[in-house]
Amino acid sequence: MNLNLRKKFLIFLIIVYEIITSSISLASSEPSLISKSYILMDSKTEKILYCKNENERMYPASTTKIITAILVLENCSLEDIVTVSYDTAMSIPNGYSSASLQVGEQLTVEQLLQLLLVHSANDAANALAEHVGGSVDSFVSMMNTKIHELGLVNTHFTNAYGLHEENHYTTAYDLAIIMKYCMKNEIFRRLSSQASCAIPATNKYGPRKYTSTNELIVPNNRNYYSYLTAGKTGFTTQAGDCLVSCSYKDGLELICVVLGGKTIDGISTRFSETKTLYNLGYDNYSIQSVLKQDDVVTKLEVSNGTKETKNLELLASQTLNALVNRTTQVENLLPQIDLKENIQAPIEQGEILGVVSYNIDNISYKVDLIASHPVEESKLLNLILKIGIGILILIFILVLFISKKRKSKNKYRYRNKKI
């Protein structure tokens, strides 16, 4: 092989090595994204899979509307009729999205929620805020009270829809927790998953029809992501491109928040980067069964059980699933077993006798341990125990009797000696 061929072959090997190592790096390290702040979180355990500046205060823009929606759902009926006030119709600044609501126009709460979450209509947010809180200011107080109840310390709201203001801020982490809370509500799930909405004619305006601002949820869109279940976009010049969303695949529900993204050549990075994070999550993590229901976890001997029943297996009361990295060998995980003190017969089949737990990436997964069969109390042991107790009582009585008799004799001798 001449020198040139050797050099070319060496260069080829270097290129192959870099491709392999870079692909490994992508699968194991934090992704390099344009968004200033992001987080990918497991919805169930709140385990953070990927993140950057997740606790840095950011402007949320219209992602604010997810907490507006959940407060409305918790405080009024979908069938309630809302009459649009003058302040609502006239308060939205130029450049902010609206549904052109008219003074005196009447819509249902459900219709306004669709305009809020699908079209991101800011006038719908104010109409709902006034309906629920009596005024927008009172509703904003409710928003901040809810934030306090959720234990979030890096979020503060000053309006109901995401108008840019210095004291209207949150973080990627806080938005993920808010989204987790919102997703517990089935109506929120349904409304925030709509790819479009159609509002019939009202007393003041003709029919309205809008496609969701969240391109990930719109079929046939180039950014469509089939596993997405809910989401809300946001944008202001100061906040950049924002998106809070939720997806579900193979039993794993993930929440993703990207803040401070950009639009490049007409394409928003919030969509591509959200998909990148979801793909990383599903490629590298999965829900796996650590234990199956009725698996034998440990065995013990019940000291006062009968010979036939005293050897007892402790079973997992239910299947124990855990979020694990796909490289983790589940069968090699070591359990921690905590049993009740002084386990004695009789024991019923299925009785809870302890807990088995696994600590995986600093998250504890637990399941009860139950008896595989009944354990009967040994009559022979019981009889021996009773006989033993009886003998001890007799010995005690005998000792007392002898002691009393000796005292009586000593007393008699003392008296005779004195006489």
Protein backbone atom coordinates (compact mmCIF):
# COMPACT_ATOMS: atom_id res chain seq x y z
CA MET A 1 0.00 0.00 0.00
CA ASN A 2 1.59 3.30 -1.08
CA LEU A 3 1.82 6.37 1.14
CA ASN A 4 -1.17 8.19 -0.41
CA LEU A 5 -3.43 5.17 0.01
CA ARG A 6 -2.31 4.80 3.61
CA LYS A 7 -3.12 8.46 4.31
CA LYS A 8 -6.55 8.14 2.69
CA PHE A 9 -7.28 4.98 4.65
CA LEU A 10 -6.20 6.66 7.89
CA ILE A 11 -8.40 9.67 7.16
CA PHE A 12 -11.31 7.32 6.43
CA LEU A 13 -10.82 5.55 9.79
CA ILE A 14 -10.72 8.91 11.61
CA ILE A 15 -13.96 10.03 9.95
CA VAL A 16 -15.71 6.74 10.85
CA TYR A 17 -14.46 7.04 14.44
CA GLU A 18 -15.74 10.62 14.76
CA ILE A 19 -19.14 9.66 13.36
CA ILE A 20 -19.46 6.78 15.83
CA THR A 21 -18.27 8.77 18.84
CA SER A 22 -20.43 11.77 17.96
CA SER A 23 -23.52 9.57 17.69
CA ILE A 24 -22.73 8.04 21.08
CA SER A 25 -22.24 11.53 22.50
CA LEU A 26 -25.59 12.69 21.13
CA ALA A 27 -27.32 9.78 22.80
CA SER A 28 -25.73 10.34 26.19
CA SER A 29 -25.04 14.08 26.63
CA GLU A 30 -27.12 17.22 26.64
CA PRO A 31 -28.30 18.30 23.18
CA SER A 32 -27.08 21.57 21.71
CA LEU A 33 -30.20 23.65 21.02
CA ILE A 34 -30.90 27.26 20.10
CA SER A 35 -33.58 27.73 22.79
CA LYS A 36 -32.26 29.70 25.75
CA SER A 37 -33.98 27.42 28.24
CA TYR A 38 -35.56 23.99 28.00
CA ILE A 39 -36.57 20.94 29.99
CA LEU A 40 -37.74 17.41 29.21
CA MET A 41 -39.42 15.82 32.22
CA ASP A 42 -41.12 12.52 32.99
CA SER A 43 -44.68 13.45 33.89
CA LYS A 44 -45.14 10.76 36.55
CA THR A 45 -41.92 11.03 38.57
CA GLU A 46 -40.84 14.57 37.58
CA LYS A 47 -37.46 13.12 36.68
CA ILE A 48 -35.58 15.58 34.45
CA LEU A 49 -34.14 13.82 31.40
CA TYR A 50 -32.60 16.82 29.62
CA CYS A 51 -32.43 20.47 30.58
CA LYS A 52 -30.66 23.81 30.14
CA ASN A 53 -31.20 26.90 32.31
CA GLU A 54 -34.39 25.24 33.55
CA ASN A 55 -34.53 27.46 36.65
CA GLU A 56 -33.65 30.73 34.92
CA ARG A 57 -36.48 33.27 34.94
CA MET A 58 -37.87 33.77 31.45
CA TYR A 59 -40.82 35.54 29.83
CA PRO A 60 -43.54 32.97 29.08
CA ALA A 61 -45.61 34.88 26.48
CA SER A 62 -48.83 32.96 25.68
CA THR A 63 -47.77 29.76 27.43
CA THR A 64 -49.28 31.71 30.35
CA LYS A 65 -52.66 30.63 29.02
CA ILE A 66 -52.36 27.07 30.33
CA ILE A 67 -52.81 28.27 33.92
CA THR A 68 -55.57 30.64 32.81
CA ALA A 69 -57.37 27.65 31.26
CA ILE A 70 -57.03 25.36 34.29
CA LEU A 71 -58.31 28.04 36.68
CA VAL A 72 -61.34 28.59 34.45
CA LEU A 73 -62.03 24.83 34.33
CA GLU A 74 -61.79 24.60 38.12
CA ASN A 75 -64.09 27.52 38.81
CA CYS A 76 -66.97 27.46 36.35
CA SER A 77 -69.00 25.33 33.95
CA LEU A 78 -68.32 24.90 30.23
CA GLU A 79 -71.93 25.91 29.54
CA ASP A 80 -71.69 29.25 31.33
CA ILE A 81 -72.49 32.23 29.10
CA VAL A 82 -69.91 35.01 29.06
CA THR A 83 -70.77 38.50 27.89
CA VAL A 84 -67.79 40.39 26.47
CA SER A 85 -67.17 43.70 28.25
CA TYR A 86 -65.88 46.93 26.75
CA ASP A 87 -62.55 46.53 28.58
CA THR A 88 -62.11 43.01 27.18
CA ALA A 89 -62.85 44.03 23.60
CA MET A 90 -60.66 47.13 23.67
CA SER A 91 -57.74 46.15 25.91
CA ILE A 92 -55.58 44.03 23.59
CA PRO A 93 -52.54 45.93 22.21
CA ASN A 94 -51.81 45.96 18.49
CA GLY A 95 -49.77 42.97 17.34
CA TYR A 96 -51.23 40.60 19.92
CA SER A 97 -53.49 37.76 18.77
CA SER A 98 -57.24 38.15 19.22
CA ALA A 99 -60.53 36.66 18.08
CA SER A 100 -62.03 40.10 17.42
CA LEU A 101 -64.54 39.71 20.25
CA GLN A 102 -67.22 42.43 20.20
CA VAL A 103 -68.64 44.44 23.08
CA GLY A 104 -71.78 42.65 24.29
CA GLU A 105 -70.96 39.46 22.37
CA GLN A 106 -72.00 36.27 24.12
CA LEU A 107 -70.09 32.98 24.00
CA THR A 108 -69.91 29.89 26.17
CA VAL A 109 -66.91 29.22 28.42
CA GLU A 110 -66.03 26.21 26.25
CA GLN A 111 -66.00 28.33 23.09
CA LEU A 112 -63.75 30.90 24.74
CA LEU A 113 -61.42 28.16 25.99
CA GLN A 114 -61.10 26.85 22.44
CA LEU A 115 -60.24 30.35 21.22
CA LEU A 116 -57.75 30.63 24.09
CA LEU A 117 -55.91 27.33 23.59
CA VAL A 118 -56.23 26.78 19.83
CA HIS A 119 -56.06 30.29 18.38
CA SER A 120 -54.27 31.83 21.42
CA ALA A 121 -56.80 34.68 21.52
CA ASN A 122 -55.83 37.23 24.17
CA ASP A 123 -59.28 38.83 24.30
CA ALA A 124 -60.70 35.38 25.12
CA ALA A 125 -58.28 35.22 28.06
CA ASN A 126 -59.49 38.53 29.46
CA ALA A 127 -63.16 37.62 28.94
CA LEU A 128 -62.64 34.39 30.90
CA ALA A 129 -60.61 36.18 33.58
CA GLU A 130 -63.39 38.71 34.17
CA HIS A 131 -66.02 35.95 34.24
CA VAL A 132 -64.18 33.87 36.83
CA GLY A 133 -62.49 36.53 38.96
CA GLY A 134 -64.91 39.44 38.61
CA SER A 135 -62.01 41.45 37.22
CA VAL A 136 -58.73 40.69 35.49
CA ASP A 137 -56.77 41.87 38.54
CA SER A 138 -58.67 39.51 40.85
CA PHE A 139 -58.11 36.65 38.43
CA VAL A 140 -54.37 37.38 38.32
CA SER A 141 -54.36 37.11 42.12
CA MET A 142 -55.95 33.68 41.72
CA MET A 143 -53.19 32.74 39.27
CA ASN A 144 -50.46 33.66 41.74
CA THR A 145 -52.27 31.88 44.57
CA LYS A 146 -52.34 28.71 42.47
CA ILE A 147 -48.61 29.08 41.81
CA HIS A 148 -48.02 29.31 45.56
CA GLU A 149 -50.14 26.18 46.12
CA LEU A 150 -48.00 24.31 43.59
CA GLY A 151 -44.88 25.30 45.56
CA LEU A 152 -43.30 27.27 42.71
CA VAL A 153 -41.02 30.15 43.70
CA ASN A 154 -39.72 31.43 40.35
CA THR A 155 -43.03 32.35 38.75
CA HIS A 156 -45.13 35.52 38.98
CA PHE A 157 -47.99 36.66 36.76
CA THR A 158 -49.32 40.17 36.13
CA ASN A 159 -51.86 39.39 33.38
CA ALA A 160 -53.98 36.51 32.09
CA TYR A 161 -52.51 35.95 28.62
CA GLY A 162 -48.77 36.70 28.51
CA LEU A 163 -48.54 40.39 27.71
CA HIS A 164 -44.89 41.31 28.12
CA GLU A 165 -44.23 42.94 31.49
CA GLU A 166 -41.09 42.85 33.63
CA ASN A 167 -42.80 41.15 36.57
CA HIS A 168 -44.55 38.56 34.41
CA TYR A 169 -42.08 35.68 34.40
CA THR A 170 -41.61 31.95 34.97
CA THR A 171 -39.08 29.17 34.29
CA ALA A 172 -39.01 26.07 32.11
CA TYR A 173 -39.13 23.92 35.24
CA ASP A 174 -42.12 25.78 36.72
CA LEU A 175 -44.01 25.59 33.42
CA ALA A 176 -43.40 21.83 33.31
CA ILE A 177 -44.89 21.46 36.80
CA ILE A 178 -47.85 23.66 35.84
CA MET A 179 -48.39 21.55 32.71
CA LYS A 180 -48.29 18.35 34.75
CA TYR A 181 -50.97 19.78 37.01
CA CYS A 182 -53.10 20.89 34.05
CA MET A 183 -52.90 17.49 32.37
CA LYS A 184 -54.67 15.88 35.32
CA ASN A 185 -57.83 17.57 34.04
CA GLU A 186 -59.43 15.57 31.21
CA ILE A 187 -61.19 18.60 29.72
CA PHE A 188 -57.90 20.48 29.56
CA ARG A 189 -56.37 17.47 27.82
CA ARG A 190 -59.14 17.45 25.25
CA LEU A 191 -59.15 21.18 24.53
CA SER A 192 -55.36 21.53 24.36
CA SER A 193 -55.13 18.64 21.92
CA GLN A 194 -57.41 20.22 19.29
CA ALA A 195 -55.79 20.86 15.92
CA SER A 196 -58.52 23.36 15.05
CA CYS A 197 -61.73 24.89 16.38
CA ALA A 198 -64.96 26.10 14.81
CA ILE A 199 -67.02 28.64 16.72
CA PRO A 200 -70.59 29.14 15.42
CA ALA A 201 -72.07 32.58 14.76
CA THR A 202 -72.87 34.60 17.87
CA ASN A 203 -75.20 37.52 18.53
CA LYS A 204 -72.45 39.90 17.33
CA TYR A 205 -70.17 38.01 14.94
CA GLY A 206 -70.20 35.38 12.23
CA PRO A 207 -68.69 31.88 12.41
CA ARG A 208 -65.03 31.64 13.35
CA LYS A 209 -62.64 28.86 12.41
CA TYR A 210 -59.00 28.61 13.41
CA THR A 211 -56.12 26.17 13.07
CA SER A 212 -53.95 25.59 16.13
CA THR A 213 -50.85 27.73 16.52
CA ASN A 214 -49.13 24.53 17.68
CA GLU A 215 -47.91 22.99 14.42
CA LEU A 216 -46.85 19.77 16.16
CA ILE A 217 -50.49 18.85 16.65
CA VAL A 218 -51.76 19.72 13.16
CA PRO A 219 -51.88 16.68 10.80
CA ASN A 220 -50.19 17.16 7.41
CA ASN A 221 -48.11 20.02 8.80
CA ARG A 222 -44.39 19.60 8.16
CA ASN A 223 -43.81 19.84 11.93
CA TYR A 224 -46.51 17.32 12.88
CA TYR A 225 -45.52 14.99 15.72
CA SER A 226 -47.84 12.02 16.06
CA TYR A 227 -47.13 11.34 19.76
CA LEU A 228 -48.03 14.85 20.93
CA THR A 229 -51.10 14.95 23.18
CA ALA A 230 -51.31 18.62 24.18
CA GLY A 231 -49.48 21.89 23.88
CA LYS A 232 -49.54 25.69 23.98
CA THR A 233 -47.34 28.07 22.02
CA GLY A 234 -46.15 31.54 22.95
CA PHE A 235 -44.30 34.41 21.34
CA THR A 236 -43.33 37.98 22.07
CA THR A 237 -40.25 39.80 20.87
CA GLN A 238 -38.78 39.67 24.38
CA ALA A 239 -39.78 36.04 25.11
CA GLY A 240 -38.86 34.58 21.74
CA ASP A 241 -40.49 31.38 20.47
CA CYS A 242 -41.96 29.30 23.31
CA LEU A 243 -43.80 25.99 23.58
CA VAL A 244 -45.00 23.87 26.47
CA SER A 245 -46.28 20.44 25.47
CA CYS A 246 -46.92 16.85 26.43
CA SER A 247 -46.47 13.57 24.53
CA TYR A 248 -47.16 9.90 25.11
CA LYS A 249 -45.42 6.86 23.63
CA ASP A 250 -45.02 3.26 24.82
CA GLY A 251 -46.44 3.97 28.27
CA LEU A 252 -44.15 6.96 28.86
CA GLU A 253 -45.64 10.46 29.18
CA LEU A 254 -43.14 13.29 28.82
CA ILE A 255 -43.51 17.04 29.28
CA CYS A 256 -41.34 19.41 27.26
CA VAL A 257 -40.84 23.15 27.62
CA VAL A 258 -38.71 25.27 25.29
CA LEU A 259 -38.32 29.01 25.90
CA GLY A 260 -36.41 31.69 24.05
CA GLY A 261 -36.33 30.03 20.64
CA LYS A 262 -35.99 31.69 17.27
CA THR A 263 -37.64 31.77 13.86
CA ILE A 264 -35.12 31.16 11.08
CA ASP A 265 -36.20 31.45 7.42
CA GLY A 266 -39.82 31.34 8.53
CA ILE A 267 -39.37 28.15 10.56
CA SER A 268 -39.67 28.26 14.35
CA THR A 269 -37.05 26.33 16.31
CA ARG A 270 -39.59 25.65 19.08
CA PHE A 271 -41.13 22.86 16.99
CA SER A 272 -37.97 21.17 15.73
CA GLU A 273 -36.25 21.41 19.11
CA THR A 274 -39.27 20.05 20.95
CA LYS A 275 -39.25 17.05 18.60
CA THR A 276 -35.50 16.65 19.12
CA LEU A 277 -35.99 16.51 22.89
CA TYR A 278 -38.88 14.05 22.67
CA ASN A 279 -36.93 11.78 20.33
CA LEU A 280 -33.94 11.83 22.67
CA GLY A 281 -36.20 10.97 25.57
CA TYR A 282 -37.92 8.05 23.88
CA ASP A 283 -34.69 6.78 22.31
CA ASN A 284 -32.80 6.70 25.61
CA TYR A 285 -35.45 6.01 28.25
CA SER A 286 -38.30 3.58 28.65
CA ILE A 287 -40.79 2.24 31.17
CA GLN A 288 -39.65 -1.23 32.23
CA SER A 289 -41.05 -3.80 34.66
CA VAL A 290 -38.72 -4.21 37.61
CA LEU A 291 -41.12 -6.69 39.23
CA LYS A 292 -44.18 -8.47 37.96
CA GLN A 293 -47.24 -9.03 40.11
CA ASP A 294 -46.83 -12.18 42.28
CA ASP A 295 -43.07 -12.36 41.70
CA VAL A 296 -41.33 -13.94 44.71
CA VAL A 297 -39.21 -11.21 46.32
CA THR A 298 -38.03 -12.94 49.49
CA LYS A 299 -38.82 -15.82 51.86
CA LEU A 300 -39.10 -16.11 55.62
CA GLU A 301 -39.91 -18.63 58.34
CA VAL A 302 -42.71 -17.73 60.73
CA SER A 303 -41.52 -19.02 64.09
CA ASN A 304 -44.93 -19.86 65.54
CA GLY A 305 -46.39 -21.24 62.31
CA THR A 306 -47.26 -24.88 61.72
CA LYS A 307 -44.68 -27.12 60.09
CA GLU A 308 -46.72 -27.20 56.88
CA THR A 309 -47.28 -23.42 56.59
CA LYS A 310 -44.43 -21.64 58.40
CA ASN A 311 -42.18 -21.33 55.30
CA LEU A 312 -43.63 -18.26 53.61
CA GLU A 313 -42.91 -16.53 50.31
CA LEU A 314 -43.45 -12.78 50.07
CA LEU A 315 -44.82 -11.66 46.71
CA ALA A 316 -45.00 -8.34 44.89
CA SER A 317 -48.58 -7.11 45.35
CA GLN A 318 -48.59 -5.55 41.87
CA THR A 319 -46.36 -4.96 38.88
CA LEU A 320 -43.65 -2.38 39.61
CA ASN A 321 -42.79 -0.26 36.58
CA ALA A 322 -39.95 2.24 36.55
CA LEU A 323 -38.43 4.82 34.22
CA VAL A 324 -34.96 3.60 33.37
CA ASN A 325 -32.23 4.36 30.90
CA ARG A 326 -32.33 1.79 28.09
CA THR A 327 -28.74 0.79 28.96
CA THR A 328 -29.76 -0.24 32.49
CA GLN A 329 -29.97 -3.98 33.19
CA VAL A 330 -33.15 -4.19 35.26
CA GLU A 331 -32.35 -7.68 36.52
CA ASN A 332 -29.19 -6.35 38.18
CA LEU A 333 -31.00 -3.76 40.29
CA LEU A 334 -30.76 -4.47 44.03
CA PRO A 335 -33.96 -4.17 46.12
CA GLN A 336 -34.32 -2.84 49.64
CA ILE A 337 -36.71 -4.97 51.71
CA ASP A 338 -38.39 -3.59 54.83
CA LEU A 339 -40.53 -6.07 56.80
CA LYS A 340 -42.94 -5.47 59.64
CA GLU A 341 -41.58 -6.15 63.12
CA ASN A 342 -42.45 -9.37 64.96
CA ILE A 343 -44.26 -11.20 62.14
CA GLN A 344 -46.32 -13.94 63.83
CA ALA A 345 -49.02 -16.42 62.88
CA PRO A 346 -51.86 -16.43 62.16
CA ILE A 347 -51.31 -14.72 58.79
CA GLU A 348 -53.89 -14.42 56.02
CA GLN A 349 -53.08 -14.98 52.35
CA GLY A 350 -52.45 -11.60 50.71
CA GLU A 351 -51.74 -9.86 54.03
CA ILE A 352 -49.24 -6.99 53.69
CA LEU A 353 -46.06 -7.86 55.58
CA GLY A 354 -43.60 -5.31 54.22
CA VAL A 355 -42.38 -3.16 51.34
CA VAL A 356 -39.80 -3.65 48.61
CA SER A 357 -38.22 -0.57 47.05
CA TYR A 358 -35.73 0.22 44.28
CA ASN A 359 -33.75 3.44 44.08
CA ILE A 360 -33.23 4.27 40.40
CA ASP A 361 -31.56 7.58 39.51
CA ASN A 362 -32.49 8.96 42.96
CA ILE A 363 -36.16 8.08 42.52
CA SER A 364 -37.69 5.50 44.86
CA TYR A 365 -40.16 2.99 43.44
CA LYS A 366 -42.09 0.94 46.01
CA VAL A 367 -44.57 -1.91 46.13
CA ASP A 368 -46.12 -3.87 49.02
CA LEU A 369 -45.02 -7.40 49.90
CA ILE A 370 -47.86 -9.83 50.59
CA ALA A 371 -48.11 -13.36 52.01
CA SER A 372 -48.25 -16.09 49.36
CA HIS A 373 -50.47 -18.35 51.54
CA PRO A 374 -52.10 -18.47 54.98
CA VAL A 375 -49.87 -19.30 57.94
CA GLU A 376 -51.62 -21.18 60.74
CA GLU A 377 -50.56 -20.86 64.35
CA SER A 378 -48.86 -24.03 65.63
CA LYS A 379 -51.04 -25.75 68.26
CA LEU A 380 -48.07 -27.76 69.51
CA LEU A 381 -45.99 -24.66 70.03
CA ASN A 382 -48.96 -22.98 71.62
CA LEU A 383 -49.43 -25.97 73.94
CA ILE A 384 -45.72 -26.04 74.83
CA LEU A 385 -45.87 -22.32 75.48
CA LYS A 386 -48.90 -22.70 77.74
CA ILE A 387 -47.28 -25.60 79.62
CA GLY A 388 -44.10 -23.58 80.02
CA ILE A 389 -46.04 -20.62 81.35
CA GLY A 390 -47.95 -22.95 83.69
CA ILE A 391 -44.71 -24.44 85.02
CA LEU A 392 -43.27 -21.00 85.62
CA ILE A 393 -46.38 -20.00 87.52
CA LEU A 394 -46.17 -23.15 89.65
CA ILE A 395 -42.49 -22.53 90.34
CA PHE A 396 -43.29 -18.97 91.33
CA ILE A 397 -46.07 -20.12 93.70
CA LEU A 398 -43.78 -22.80 95.17
CA VAL A 399 -41.02 -20.25 95.77
CA LEU A 400 -43.50 -17.96 97.49
CA PHE A 401 -44.81 -20.84 99.62
CA ILE A 402 -41.30 -21.97 100.69
CA SER A 403 -40.30 -18.41 101.42
CA LYS A 404 -43.40 -17.86 103.55
CA LYS A 405 -42.85 -21.13 105.43
CA ARG A 406 -39.24 -20.22 106.23
CA LYS A 407 -40.30 -16.86 107.54
CA SER A 408 -42.91 -18.56 109.76
CA LYS A 409 -40.31 -20.99 111.21
CA ASN A 410 -37.83 -18.20 111.89
CA LYS A 411 -40.52 -16.24 113.69
CA TYR A 412 -41.41 -19.26 115.88
CA ARG A 413 -37.75 -19.86 116.83
CA TYR A 414 -37.27 -16.25 117.74
CA ARG A 415 -40.25 -16.30 120.08
CA ASN A 416 -39.14 -19.55 121.84
CA LYS A 417 -35.62 -18.20 122.26
CA LYS A 418 -36.92 -15.07 123.92
CA ILE A 419 -39.01 -17.04 126.43
